[in-house]
Amino acid sequence: MPIKPIDLQTLFSQLEQVGRERAAGKDGNVGLLQQSLQGMAQLKKREEEAKAVRKPEASENQAPGVNDREGGNREERSGSRKGKDGEEVAEEPAPNVITDPELGSRVDISG
């Protein structure tokens, strides 16, 4: 099938537009590839951050330490106590607590 002169005239008039479309297509494919690679890198980074162990952030609204039965934090009881001026304070005697030796040694399994 031979090419007719009218076909050549039509092709030459659209040649510039075809060249622009091909260049945009190549740039678009490269751009899509780069976006895809960046997306994969960000996803990998997020997964690594999720798996990583981080130290808790220091917060002003942090909860105070747990008080136990002896009325004080564990940090306060460990070692020597210090008063308001930083001087060591003598430890107070523990209050008299009566405990039952049988308490907690038997379990009722009858229901």
PDB file of N, CA and C in Angstrom:
ATOM      1  N   MET A   1       0.834  -1.160   0.000  1.00  0.00           N
ATOM      2  CA  MET A   1       0.000   0.000   0.000  1.00  0.00           C
ATOM      3  C   MET A   1       0.894   1.243   0.000  1.00  0.00           C
ATOM      4  N   PRO A   2       0.833   1.961  -1.033  1.00  0.00           N
ATOM      5  CA  PRO A   2       1.699   3.144  -1.173  1.00  0.00           C
ATOM      6  C   PRO A   2       1.186   4.322  -0.339  1.00  0.00           C
ATOM      7  N   ILE A   3       2.113   5.235   0.028  1.00  0.00           N
ATOM      8  CA  ILE A   3       1.748   6.428   0.777  1.00  0.00           C
ATOM      9  C   ILE A   3       1.416   7.524  -0.226  1.00  0.00           C
ATOM     10  N   LYS A   4       0.287   8.145  -0.026  1.00  0.00           N
ATOM     11  CA  LYS A   4      -0.167   9.185  -0.941  1.00  0.00           C
ATOM     12  C   LYS A   4       0.321  10.536  -0.445  1.00  0.00           C
ATOM     13  N   PRO A   5       0.454  11.508  -1.311  1.00  0.00           N
ATOM     14  CA  PRO A   5       0.933  12.830  -0.916  1.00  0.00           C
ATOM     15  C   PRO A   5       0.042  13.511   0.129  1.00  0.00           C
ATOM     16  N   ILE A   6      -1.214  13.264   0.130  1.00  0.00           N
ATOM     17  CA  ILE A   6      -2.105  13.871   1.128  1.00  0.00           C
ATOM     18  C   ILE A   6      -1.820  13.321   2.526  1.00  0.00           C
ATOM     19  N   ASP A   7      -1.446  12.036   2.566  1.00  0.00           N
ATOM     20  CA  ASP A   7      -1.095  11.428   3.856  1.00  0.00           C
ATOM     21  C   ASP A   7       0.183  12.042   4.409  1.00  0.00           C
ATOM     22  N   LEU A   8       1.171  12.266   3.535  1.00  0.00           N
ATOM     23  CA  LEU A   8       2.412  12.886   3.957  1.00  0.00           C
ATOM     24  C   LEU A   8       2.172  14.313   4.457  1.00  0.00           C
ATOM     25  N   GLN A   9       1.312  15.026   3.772  1.00  0.00           N
ATOM     26  CA  GLN A   9       1.016  16.401   4.184  1.00  0.00           C
ATOM     27  C   GLN A   9       0.372  16.411   5.574  1.00  0.00           C
ATOM     28  N   THR A  10      -0.506  15.481   5.844  1.00  0.00           N
ATOM     29  CA  THR A  10      -1.169  15.387   7.156  1.00  0.00           C
ATOM     30  C   THR A  10      -0.163  14.988   8.237  1.00  0.00           C
ATOM     31  N   LEU A  11       0.699  14.045   7.916  1.00  0.00           N
ATOM     32  CA  LEU A  11       1.694  13.588   8.889  1.00  0.00           C
ATOM     33  C   LEU A  11       2.694  14.692   9.218  1.00  0.00           C
ATOM     34  N   PHE A  12       3.166  15.441   8.207  1.00  0.00           N
ATOM     35  CA  PHE A  12       4.124  16.512   8.464  1.00  0.00           C
ATOM     36  C   PHE A  12       3.507  17.626   9.303  1.00  0.00           C
ATOM     37  N   SER A  13       2.241  17.892   9.133  1.00  0.00           N
ATOM     38  CA  SER A  13       1.604  18.949   9.930  1.00  0.00           C
ATOM     39  C   SER A  13       1.446  18.526  11.395  1.00  0.00           C
ATOM     40  N   GLN A  14       1.333  17.218  11.638  1.00  0.00           N
ATOM     41  CA  GLN A  14       1.154  16.736  13.016  1.00  0.00           C
ATOM     42  C   GLN A  14       2.462  16.242  13.646  1.00  0.00           C
ATOM     43  N   LEU A  15       3.548  16.326  12.887  1.00  0.00           N
ATOM     44  CA  LEU A  15       4.829  15.823  13.361  1.00  0.00           C
ATOM     45  C   LEU A  15       5.298  16.553  14.620  1.00  0.00           C
ATOM     46  N   GLU A  16       5.137  17.848  14.687  1.00  0.00           N
ATOM     47  CA  GLU A  16       5.543  18.618  15.854  1.00  0.00           C
ATOM     48  C   GLU A  16       4.737  18.213  17.097  1.00  0.00           C
ATOM     49  N   GLN A  17       3.451  18.006  16.925  1.00  0.00           N
ATOM     50  CA  GLN A  17       2.592  17.609  18.051  1.00  0.00           C
ATOM     51  C   GLN A  17       2.953  16.209  18.539  1.00  0.00           C
ATOM     52  N   VAL A  18       3.261  15.312  17.631  1.00  0.00           N
ATOM     53  CA  VAL A  18       3.642  13.945  18.000  1.00  0.00           C
ATOM     54  C   VAL A  18       4.948  13.973  18.784  1.00  0.00           C
ATOM     55  N   GLY A  19       5.901  14.793  18.358  1.00  0.00           N
ATOM     56  CA  GLY A  19       7.171  14.909  19.075  1.00  0.00           C
ATOM     57  C   GLY A  19       6.971  15.418  20.497  1.00  0.00           C
ATOM     58  N   ARG A  20       6.094  16.389  20.663  1.00  0.00           N
ATOM     59  CA  ARG A  20       5.803  16.907  22.010  1.00  0.00           C
ATOM     60  C   ARG A  20       5.167  15.842  22.885  1.00  0.00           C
ATOM     61  N   GLU A  21       4.227  15.098  22.324  1.00  0.00           N
ATOM     62  CA  GLU A  21       3.553  14.041  23.099  1.00  0.00           C
ATOM     63  C   GLU A  21       4.539  12.953  23.526  1.00  0.00           C
ATOM     64  N   ARG A  22       5.440  12.576  22.632  1.00  0.00           N
ATOM     65  CA  ARG A  22       6.425  11.538  22.977  1.00  0.00           C
ATOM     66  C   ARG A  22       7.375  12.025  24.073  1.00  0.00           C
ATOM     67  N   ALA A  23       7.818  13.274  23.982  1.00  0.00           N
ATOM     68  CA  ALA A  23       8.722  13.823  24.999  1.00  0.00           C
ATOM     69  C   ALA A  23       8.010  13.907  26.345  1.00  0.00           C
ATOM     70  N   ALA A  24       6.752  14.332  26.318  1.00  0.00           N
ATOM     71  CA  ALA A  24       5.985  14.406  27.567  1.00  0.00           C
ATOM     72  C   ALA A  24       5.758  13.015  28.133  1.00  0.00           C
ATOM     73  N   GLY A  25       5.541  12.052  27.256  1.00  0.00           N
ATOM     74  CA  GLY A  25       5.346  10.674  27.702  1.00  0.00           C
ATOM     75  C   GLY A  25       6.585  10.116  28.364  1.00  0.00           C
ATOM     76  N   LYS A  26       7.753  10.394  27.786  1.00  0.00           N
ATOM     77  CA  LYS A  26       9.007   9.928  28.378  1.00  0.00           C
ATOM     78  C   LYS A  26       9.241  10.604  29.726  1.00  0.00           C
ATOM     79  N   ASP A  27       9.034  11.925  29.769  1.00  0.00           N
ATOM     80  CA  ASP A  27       9.206  12.647  31.029  1.00  0.00           C
ATOM     81  C   ASP A  27       8.195  12.182  32.059  1.00  0.00           C
ATOM     82  N   GLY A  28       6.985  11.914  31.615  1.00  0.00           N
ATOM     83  CA  GLY A  28       5.945  11.450  32.533  1.00  0.00           C
ATOM     84  C   GLY A  28       6.274  10.093  33.110  1.00  0.00           C
ATOM     85  N   ASN A  29       6.805   9.198  32.286  1.00  0.00           N
ATOM     86  CA  ASN A  29       7.170   7.871  32.776  1.00  0.00           C
ATOM     87  C   ASN A  29       8.305   7.954  33.779  1.00  0.00           C
ATOM     88  N   VAL A  30       9.272   8.821  33.500  1.00  0.00           N
ATOM     89  CA  VAL A  30      10.395   8.989  34.423  1.00  0.00           C
ATOM     90  C   VAL A  30       9.880   9.599  35.724  1.00  0.00           C
ATOM     91  N   GLY A  31       8.985  10.586  35.615  1.00  0.00           N
ATOM     92  CA  GLY A  31       8.409  11.211  36.799  1.00  0.00           C
ATOM     93  C   GLY A  31       7.618  10.219  37.630  1.00  0.00           C
ATOM     94  N   LEU A  32       6.841   9.368  36.972  1.00  0.00           N
ATOM     95  CA  LEU A  32       6.075   8.353  37.689  1.00  0.00           C
ATOM     96  C   LEU A  32       7.004   7.357  38.374  1.00  0.00           C
ATOM     97  N   LEU A  33       8.063   6.992  37.702  1.00  0.00           N
ATOM     98  CA  LEU A  33       9.030   6.059  38.278  1.00  0.00           C
ATOM     99  C   LEU A  33       9.696   6.670  39.506  1.00  0.00           C
ATOM    100  N   GLN A  34      10.084   7.948  39.395  1.00  0.00           N
ATOM    101  CA  GLN A  34      10.710   8.621  40.536  1.00  0.00           C
ATOM    102  C   GLN A  34       9.738   8.737  41.702  1.00  0.00           C
ATOM    103  N   GLN A  35       8.491   9.069  41.427  1.00  0.00           N
ATOM    104  CA  GLN A  35       7.487   9.161  42.481  1.00  0.00           C
ATOM    105  C   GLN A  35       7.269   7.802  43.140  1.00  0.00           C
ATOM    106  N   SER A  36       7.250   6.772  42.336  1.00  0.00           N
ATOM    107  CA  SER A  36       7.072   5.426  42.875  1.00  0.00           C
ATOM    108  C   SER A  36       8.236   5.042  43.786  1.00  0.00           C
ATOM    109  N   LEU A  37       9.461   5.338  43.365  1.00  0.00           N
ATOM    110  CA  LEU A  37      10.634   5.026  44.174  1.00  0.00           C
ATOM    111  C   LEU A  37      10.641   5.827  45.473  1.00  0.00           C
ATOM    112  N   GLN A  38      10.267   7.102  45.395  1.00  0.00           N
ATOM    113  CA  GLN A  38      10.209   7.921  46.605  1.00  0.00           C
ATOM    114  C   GLN A  38       9.146   7.405  47.554  1.00  0.00           C
ATOM    115  N   GLY A  39       8.007   7.007  47.016  1.00  0.00           N
ATOM    116  CA  GLY A  39       6.940   6.455  47.849  1.00  0.00           C
ATOM    117  C   GLY A  39       7.372   5.184  48.549  1.00  0.00           C
ATOM    118  N   MET A  40       8.088   4.319  47.827  1.00  0.00           N
ATOM    119  CA  MET A  40       8.575   3.080  48.433  1.00  0.00           C
ATOM    120  C   MET A  40       9.603   3.373  49.519  1.00  0.00           C
ATOM    121  N   ALA A  41      10.466   4.361  49.299  1.00  0.00           N
ATOM    122  CA  ALA A  41      11.470   4.722  50.302  1.00  0.00           C
ATOM    123  C   ALA A  41      10.801   5.281  51.555  1.00  0.00           C
ATOM    124  N   GLN A  42       9.772   6.101  51.370  1.00  0.00           N
ATOM    125  CA  GLN A  42       9.052   6.649  52.523  1.00  0.00           C
ATOM    126  C   GLN A  42       8.325   5.545  53.282  1.00  0.00           C
ATOM    127  N   LEU A  43       7.728   4.609  52.567  1.00  0.00           N
ATOM    128  CA  LEU A  43       7.030   3.496  53.213  1.00  0.00           C
ATOM    129  C   LEU A  43       8.011   2.648  54.021  1.00  0.00           C
ATOM    130  N   LYS A  44       9.178   2.376  53.464  1.00  0.00           N
ATOM    131  CA  LYS A  44      10.193   1.592  54.169  1.00  0.00           C
ATOM    132  C   LYS A  44      10.661   2.330  55.424  1.00  0.00           C
ATOM    133  N   LYS A  45      10.839   3.643  55.309  1.00  0.00           N
ATOM    134  CA  LYS A  45      11.269   4.453  56.448  1.00  0.00           C
ATOM    135  C   LYS A  45      10.214   4.439  57.553  1.00  0.00           C
ATOM    136  N   ARG A  46       8.947   4.542  57.184  1.00  0.00           N
ATOM    137  CA  ARG A  46       7.863   4.497  58.177  1.00  0.00           C
ATOM    138  C   ARG A  46       7.817   3.146  58.881  1.00  0.00           C
ATOM    139  N   GLU A  47       8.017   2.061  58.125  1.00  0.00           N
ATOM    140  CA  GLU A  47       8.009   0.729  58.732  1.00  0.00           C
ATOM    141  C   GLU A  47       9.163   0.583  59.726  1.00  0.00           C
ATOM    142  N   GLU A  48      10.334   1.102  59.371  1.00  0.00           N
ATOM    143  CA  GLU A  48      11.485   1.028  60.279  1.00  0.00           C
ATOM    144  C   GLU A  48      11.231   1.853  61.534  1.00  0.00           C
ATOM    145  N   GLU A  49      10.609   3.023  61.379  1.00  0.00           N
ATOM    146  CA  GLU A  49      10.291   3.857  62.543  1.00  0.00           C
ATOM    147  C   GLU A  49       9.269   3.171  63.441  1.00  0.00           C
ATOM    148  N   ALA A  50       8.322   2.457  62.840  1.00  0.00           N
ATOM    149  CA  ALA A  50       7.306   1.772  63.632  1.00  0.00           C
ATOM    150  C   ALA A  50       7.922   0.614  64.419  1.00  0.00           C
ATOM    151  N   LYS A  51       8.917  -0.047  63.854  1.00  0.00           N
ATOM    152  CA  LYS A  51       9.549  -1.173  64.526  1.00  0.00           C
ATOM    153  C   LYS A  51      10.598  -0.736  65.541  1.00  0.00           C
ATOM    154  N   ALA A  52      11.089   0.476  65.410  1.00  0.00           N
ATOM    155  CA  ALA A  52      12.158   0.952  66.286  1.00  0.00           C
ATOM    156  C   ALA A  52      11.627   1.194  67.699  1.00  0.00           C
ATOM    157  N   VAL A  53      12.498   0.976  68.671  1.00  0.00           N
ATOM    158  CA  VAL A  53      12.163   1.219  70.069  1.00  0.00           C
ATOM    159  C   VAL A  53      12.628   2.624  70.420  1.00  0.00           C
ATOM    160  N   ARG A  54      11.713   3.429  70.915  1.00  0.00           N
ATOM    161  CA  ARG A  54      12.054   4.812  71.239  1.00  0.00           C
ATOM    162  C   ARG A  54      11.882   5.053  72.720  1.00  0.00           C
ATOM    163  N   LYS A  55      12.661   5.987  73.233  1.00  0.00           N
ATOM    164  CA  LYS A  55      12.512   6.396  74.618  1.00  0.00           C
ATOM    165  C   LYS A  55      11.290   7.283  74.729  1.00  0.00           C
ATOM    166  N   PRO A  56      10.571   7.195  75.836  1.00  0.00           N
ATOM    167  CA  PRO A  56       9.401   8.054  75.981  1.00  0.00           C
ATOM    168  C   PRO A  56       9.828   9.513  76.087  1.00  0.00           C
ATOM    169  N   GLU A  57       9.003  10.370  75.542  1.00  0.00           N
ATOM    170  CA  GLU A  57       9.311  11.785  75.582  1.00  0.00           C
ATOM    171  C   GLU A  57       9.033  12.328  76.975  1.00  0.00           C
ATOM    172  N   ALA A  58       9.894  13.208  77.448  1.00  0.00           N
ATOM    173  CA  ALA A  58       9.691  13.834  78.749  1.00  0.00           C
ATOM    174  C   ALA A  58       8.506  14.779  78.638  1.00  0.00           C
ATOM    175  N   SER A  59       7.588  14.641  79.548  1.00  0.00           N
ATOM    176  CA  SER A  59       6.376  15.442  79.496  1.00  0.00           C
ATOM    177  C   SER A  59       6.193  16.179  80.808  1.00  0.00           C
ATOM    178  N   GLU A  60       5.666  17.395  80.711  1.00  0.00           N
ATOM    179  CA  GLU A  60       5.395  18.159  81.921  1.00  0.00           C
ATOM    180  C   GLU A  60       4.218  17.559  82.681  1.00  0.00           C
ATOM    181  N   ASN A  61       3.321  16.930  81.972  1.00  0.00           N
ATOM    182  CA  ASN A  61       2.133  16.355  82.590  1.00  0.00           C
ATOM    183  C   ASN A  61       2.331  14.884  82.920  1.00  0.00           C
ATOM    184  N   GLN A  62       3.536  14.533  83.254  1.00  0.00           N
ATOM    185  CA  GLN A  62       3.847  13.145  83.536  1.00  0.00           C
ATOM    186  C   GLN A  62       3.221  12.729  84.859  1.00  0.00           C
ATOM    187  N   ALA A  63       2.732  11.517  84.926  1.00  0.00           N
ATOM    188  CA  ALA A  63       2.078  11.011  86.127  1.00  0.00           C
ATOM    189  C   ALA A  63       3.097  10.848  87.246  1.00  0.00           C
ATOM    190  N   PRO A  64       2.697  11.124  88.486  1.00  0.00           N
ATOM    191  CA  PRO A  64       3.625  10.941  89.599  1.00  0.00           C
ATOM    192  C   PRO A  64       3.858   9.456  89.864  1.00  0.00           C
ATOM    193  N   GLY A  65       4.906   9.164  90.638  1.00  0.00           N
ATOM    194  CA  GLY A  65       5.216   7.782  90.966  1.00  0.00           C
ATOM    195  C   GLY A  65       4.114   7.152  91.801  1.00  0.00           C
ATOM    196  N   VAL A  66       4.082   5.829  91.827  1.00  0.00           N
ATOM    197  CA  VAL A  66       3.058   5.099  92.556  1.00  0.00           C
ATOM    198  C   VAL A  66       3.407   5.079  94.043  1.00  0.00           C
ATOM    199  N   ASN A  67       2.460   5.436  94.877  1.00  0.00           N
ATOM    200  CA  ASN A  67       2.652   5.369  96.327  1.00  0.00           C
ATOM    201  C   ASN A  67       2.243   3.990  96.799  1.00  0.00           C
ATOM    202  N   ASP A  68       3.025   3.428  97.683  1.00  0.00           N
ATOM    203  CA  ASP A  68       2.658   2.124  98.219  1.00  0.00           C
ATOM    204  C   ASP A  68       2.099   2.289  99.627  1.00  0.00           C
ATOM    205  N   ARG A  69       1.906   1.210 100.317  1.00  0.00           N
ATOM    206  CA  ARG A  69       1.242   1.240 101.623  1.00  0.00           C
ATOM    207  C   ARG A  69       1.998   2.031 102.676  1.00  0.00           C
ATOM    208  N   GLU A  70       3.286   2.132 102.509  1.00  0.00           N
ATOM    209  CA  GLU A  70       4.074   2.810 103.529  1.00  0.00           C
ATOM    210  C   GLU A  70       4.066   4.320 103.338  1.00  0.00           C
ATOM    211  N   GLY A  71       3.331   4.801 102.363  1.00  0.00           N
ATOM    212  CA  GLY A  71       3.131   6.226 102.207  1.00  0.00           C
ATOM    213  C   GLY A  71       4.309   6.957 101.625  1.00  0.00           C
ATOM    214  N   GLY A  72       4.703   6.625 100.456  1.00  0.00           N
ATOM    215  CA  GLY A  72       5.795   7.343  99.814  1.00  0.00           C
ATOM    216  C   GLY A  72       6.177   6.661  98.523  1.00  0.00           C
ATOM    217  N   ASN A  73       6.872   7.352  97.706  1.00  0.00           N
ATOM    218  CA  ASN A  73       7.361   6.778  96.464  1.00  0.00           C
ATOM    219  C   ASN A  73       8.537   5.861  96.744  1.00  0.00           C
ATOM    220  N   ARG A  74       8.773   4.970  95.844  1.00  0.00           N
ATOM    221  CA  ARG A  74       9.908   4.057  96.019  1.00  0.00           C
ATOM    222  C   ARG A  74      11.221   4.826  95.979  1.00  0.00           C
ATOM    223  N   GLU A  75      11.272   5.853  95.123  1.00  0.00           N
ATOM    224  CA  GLU A  75      12.510   6.629  95.039  1.00  0.00           C
ATOM    225  C   GLU A  75      12.785   7.326  96.366  1.00  0.00           C
ATOM    226  N   GLU A  76      11.723   7.770  97.017  1.00  0.00           N
ATOM    227  CA  GLU A  76      11.907   8.481  98.280  1.00  0.00           C
ATOM    228  C   GLU A  76      12.416   7.537  99.359  1.00  0.00           C
ATOM    229  N   ARG A  77      11.926   6.277  99.354  1.00  0.00           N
ATOM    230  CA  ARG A  77      12.312   5.334 100.401  1.00  0.00           C
ATOM    231  C   ARG A  77      13.683   4.730 100.155  1.00  0.00           C
ATOM    232  N   SER A  78      14.093   4.641  98.909  1.00  0.00           N
ATOM    233  CA  SER A  78      15.376   4.011  98.644  1.00  0.00           C
ATOM    234  C   SER A  78      16.495   4.944  99.101  1.00  0.00           C
ATOM    235  N   GLY A  79      17.397   4.415  99.868  1.00  0.00           N
ATOM    236  CA  GLY A  79      18.510   5.222 100.371  1.00  0.00           C
ATOM    237  C   GLY A  79      18.057   6.123 101.508  1.00  0.00           C
ATOM    238  N   SER A  80      18.686   7.231 101.629  1.00  0.00           N
ATOM    239  CA  SER A  80      18.349   8.143 102.725  1.00  0.00           C
ATOM    240  C   SER A  80      17.366   9.188 102.233  1.00  0.00           C
ATOM    241  N   ARG A  81      16.545   9.671 103.125  1.00  0.00           N
ATOM    242  CA  ARG A  81      15.589  10.726 102.792  1.00  0.00           C
ATOM    243  C   ARG A  81      16.227  12.077 103.024  1.00  0.00           C
ATOM    244  N   LYS A  82      15.819  13.028 102.213  1.00  0.00           N
ATOM    245  CA  LYS A  82      16.339  14.378 102.370  1.00  0.00           C
ATOM    246  C   LYS A  82      15.181  15.330 102.613  1.00  0.00           C
ATOM    247  N   GLY A  83      15.411  16.276 103.460  1.00  0.00           N
ATOM    248  CA  GLY A  83      14.386  17.263 103.784  1.00  0.00           C
ATOM    249  C   GLY A  83      14.333  18.362 102.745  1.00  0.00           C
ATOM    250  N   LYS A  84      13.626  19.439 103.078  1.00  0.00           N
ATOM    251  CA  LYS A  84      13.473  20.551 102.143  1.00  0.00           C
ATOM    252  C   LYS A  84      14.807  21.232 101.858  1.00  0.00           C
ATOM    253  N   ASP A  85      15.691  21.300 102.846  1.00  0.00           N
ATOM    254  CA  ASP A  85      16.968  21.978 102.685  1.00  0.00           C
ATOM    255  C   ASP A  85      18.048  21.060 102.124  1.00  0.00           C
ATOM    256  N   GLY A  86      17.716  19.816 101.810  1.00  0.00           N
ATOM    257  CA  GLY A  86      18.694  18.886 101.298  1.00  0.00           C
ATOM    258  C   GLY A  86      19.404  18.115 102.397  1.00  0.00           C
ATOM    259  N   GLU A  87      19.016  18.326 103.637  1.00  0.00           N
ATOM    260  CA  GLU A  87      19.644  17.612 104.751  1.00  0.00           C
ATOM    261  C   GLU A  87      18.975  16.262 104.921  1.00  0.00           C
ATOM    262  N   GLU A  88      19.756  15.284 105.379  1.00  0.00           N
ATOM    263  CA  GLU A  88      19.197  13.956 105.595  1.00  0.00           C
ATOM    264  C   GLU A  88      18.277  13.963 106.804  1.00  0.00           C
ATOM    265  N   VAL A  89      17.152  13.272 106.660  1.00  0.00           N
ATOM    266  CA  VAL A  89      16.156  13.202 107.725  1.00  0.00           C
ATOM    267  C   VAL A  89      16.134  11.758 108.230  1.00  0.00           C
ATOM    268  N   ALA A  90      16.027  11.594 109.530  1.00  0.00           N
ATOM    269  CA  ALA A  90      15.974  10.253 110.110  1.00  0.00           C
ATOM    270  C   ALA A  90      14.700   9.560 109.658  1.00  0.00           C
ATOM    271  N   GLU A  91      14.807   8.256 109.400  1.00  0.00           N
ATOM    272  CA  GLU A  91      13.643   7.513 108.932  1.00  0.00           C
ATOM    273  C   GLU A  91      12.649   7.328 110.065  1.00  0.00           C
ATOM    274  N   GLU A  92      11.382   7.415 109.699  1.00  0.00           N
ATOM    275  CA  GLU A  92      10.319   7.222 110.680  1.00  0.00           C
ATOM    276  C   GLU A  92      10.077   5.730 110.852  1.00  0.00           C
ATOM    277  N   PRO A  93       9.713   5.300 112.033  1.00  0.00           N
ATOM    278  CA  PRO A  93       9.434   3.873 112.217  1.00  0.00           C
ATOM    279  C   PRO A  93       8.164   3.489 111.458  1.00  0.00           C
ATOM    280  N   ALA A  94       8.160   2.266 110.966  1.00  0.00           N
ATOM    281  CA  ALA A  94       6.998   1.784 110.217  1.00  0.00           C
ATOM    282  C   ALA A  94       5.812   1.626 111.167  1.00  0.00           C
ATOM    283  N   PRO A  95       4.613   1.928 110.710  1.00  0.00           N
ATOM    284  CA  PRO A  95       3.440   1.771 111.581  1.00  0.00           C
ATOM    285  C   PRO A  95       3.199   0.294 111.878  1.00  0.00           C
ATOM    286  N   ASN A  96       2.562   0.036 113.008  1.00  0.00           N
ATOM    287  CA  ASN A  96       2.264  -1.345 113.396  1.00  0.00           C
ATOM    288  C   ASN A  96       1.165  -1.894 112.498  1.00  0.00           C
ATOM    289  N   VAL A  97       1.527  -2.901 111.749  1.00  0.00           N
ATOM    290  CA  VAL A  97       0.575  -3.544 110.856  1.00  0.00           C
ATOM    291  C   VAL A  97       0.486  -5.000 111.267  1.00  0.00           C
ATOM    292  N   ILE A  98      -0.725  -5.430 111.538  1.00  0.00           N
ATOM    293  CA  ILE A  98      -0.936  -6.817 111.935  1.00  0.00           C
ATOM    294  C   ILE A  98      -1.400  -7.580 110.704  1.00  0.00           C
ATOM    295  N   THR A  99      -0.678  -8.652 110.409  1.00  0.00           N
ATOM    296  CA  THR A  99      -1.054  -9.455 109.250  1.00  0.00           C
ATOM    297  C   THR A  99      -1.396 -10.860 109.700  1.00  0.00           C
ATOM    298  N   ASP A 100      -2.265 -11.501 108.970  1.00  0.00           N
ATOM    299  CA  ASP A 100      -2.680 -12.857 109.252  1.00  0.00           C
ATOM    300  C   ASP A 100      -1.812 -13.808 108.438  1.00  0.00           C
ATOM    301  N   PRO A 101      -1.087 -14.727 109.076  1.00  0.00           N
ATOM    302  CA  PRO A 101      -0.227 -15.637 108.318  1.00  0.00           C
ATOM    303  C   PRO A 101      -1.028 -16.579 107.413  1.00  0.00           C
ATOM    304  N   GLU A 102      -2.282 -16.825 107.707  1.00  0.00           N
ATOM    305  CA  GLU A 102      -3.108 -17.719 106.906  1.00  0.00           C
ATOM    306  C   GLU A 102      -3.737 -16.992 105.700  1.00  0.00           C
ATOM    307  N   LEU A 103      -3.638 -15.674 105.685  1.00  0.00           N
ATOM    308  CA  LEU A 103      -4.265 -14.888 104.658  1.00  0.00           C
ATOM    309  C   LEU A 103      -3.602 -15.153 103.304  1.00  0.00           C
ATOM    310  N   GLY A 104      -4.383 -15.566 102.334  1.00  0.00           N
ATOM    311  CA  GLY A 104      -3.889 -15.815 100.995  1.00  0.00           C
ATOM    312  C   GLY A 104      -3.281 -17.165 100.780  1.00  0.00           C
ATOM    313  N   SER A 105      -3.264 -18.022 101.767  1.00  0.00           N
ATOM    314  CA  SER A 105      -2.660 -19.344 101.592  1.00  0.00           C
ATOM    315  C   SER A 105      -3.678 -20.380 101.157  1.00  0.00           C
ATOM    316  N   ARG A 106      -4.946 -20.076 101.217  1.00  0.00           N
ATOM    317  CA  ARG A 106      -5.994 -21.027 100.827  1.00  0.00           C
ATOM    318  C   ARG A 106      -6.830 -20.431  99.716  1.00  0.00           C
ATOM    319  N   VAL A 107      -7.162 -21.284  98.759  1.00  0.00           N
ATOM    320  CA  VAL A 107      -7.974 -20.838  97.634  1.00  0.00           C
ATOM    321  C   VAL A 107      -9.231 -21.691  97.604  1.00  0.00           C
ATOM    322  N   ASP A 108     -10.385 -21.022  97.482  1.00  0.00           N
ATOM    323  CA  ASP A 108     -11.674 -21.717  97.419  1.00  0.00           C
ATOM    324  C   ASP A 108     -11.978 -22.043  95.955  1.00  0.00           C
ATOM    325  N   ILE A 109     -11.937 -23.332  95.606  1.00  0.00           N
ATOM    326  CA  ILE A 109     -12.186 -23.721  94.222  1.00  0.00           C
ATOM    327  C   ILE A 109     -13.576 -24.328  94.039  1.00  0.00           C
ATOM    328  N   SER A 110     -14.395 -24.334  95.101  1.00  0.00           N
ATOM    329  CA  SER A 110     -15.707 -24.963  95.005  1.00  0.00           C
ATOM    330  C   SER A 110     -16.681 -24.087  94.211  1.00  0.00           C
ATOM    331  N   GLY A 111     -16.390 -22.848  94.032  1.00  0.00           N
ATOM    332  CA  GLY A 111     -17.250 -22.029  93.188  1.00  0.00           C
ATOM    333  C   GLY A 111     -17.925 -21.029  93.973  1.00  0.00           C
TER     334      GLY A 111
END
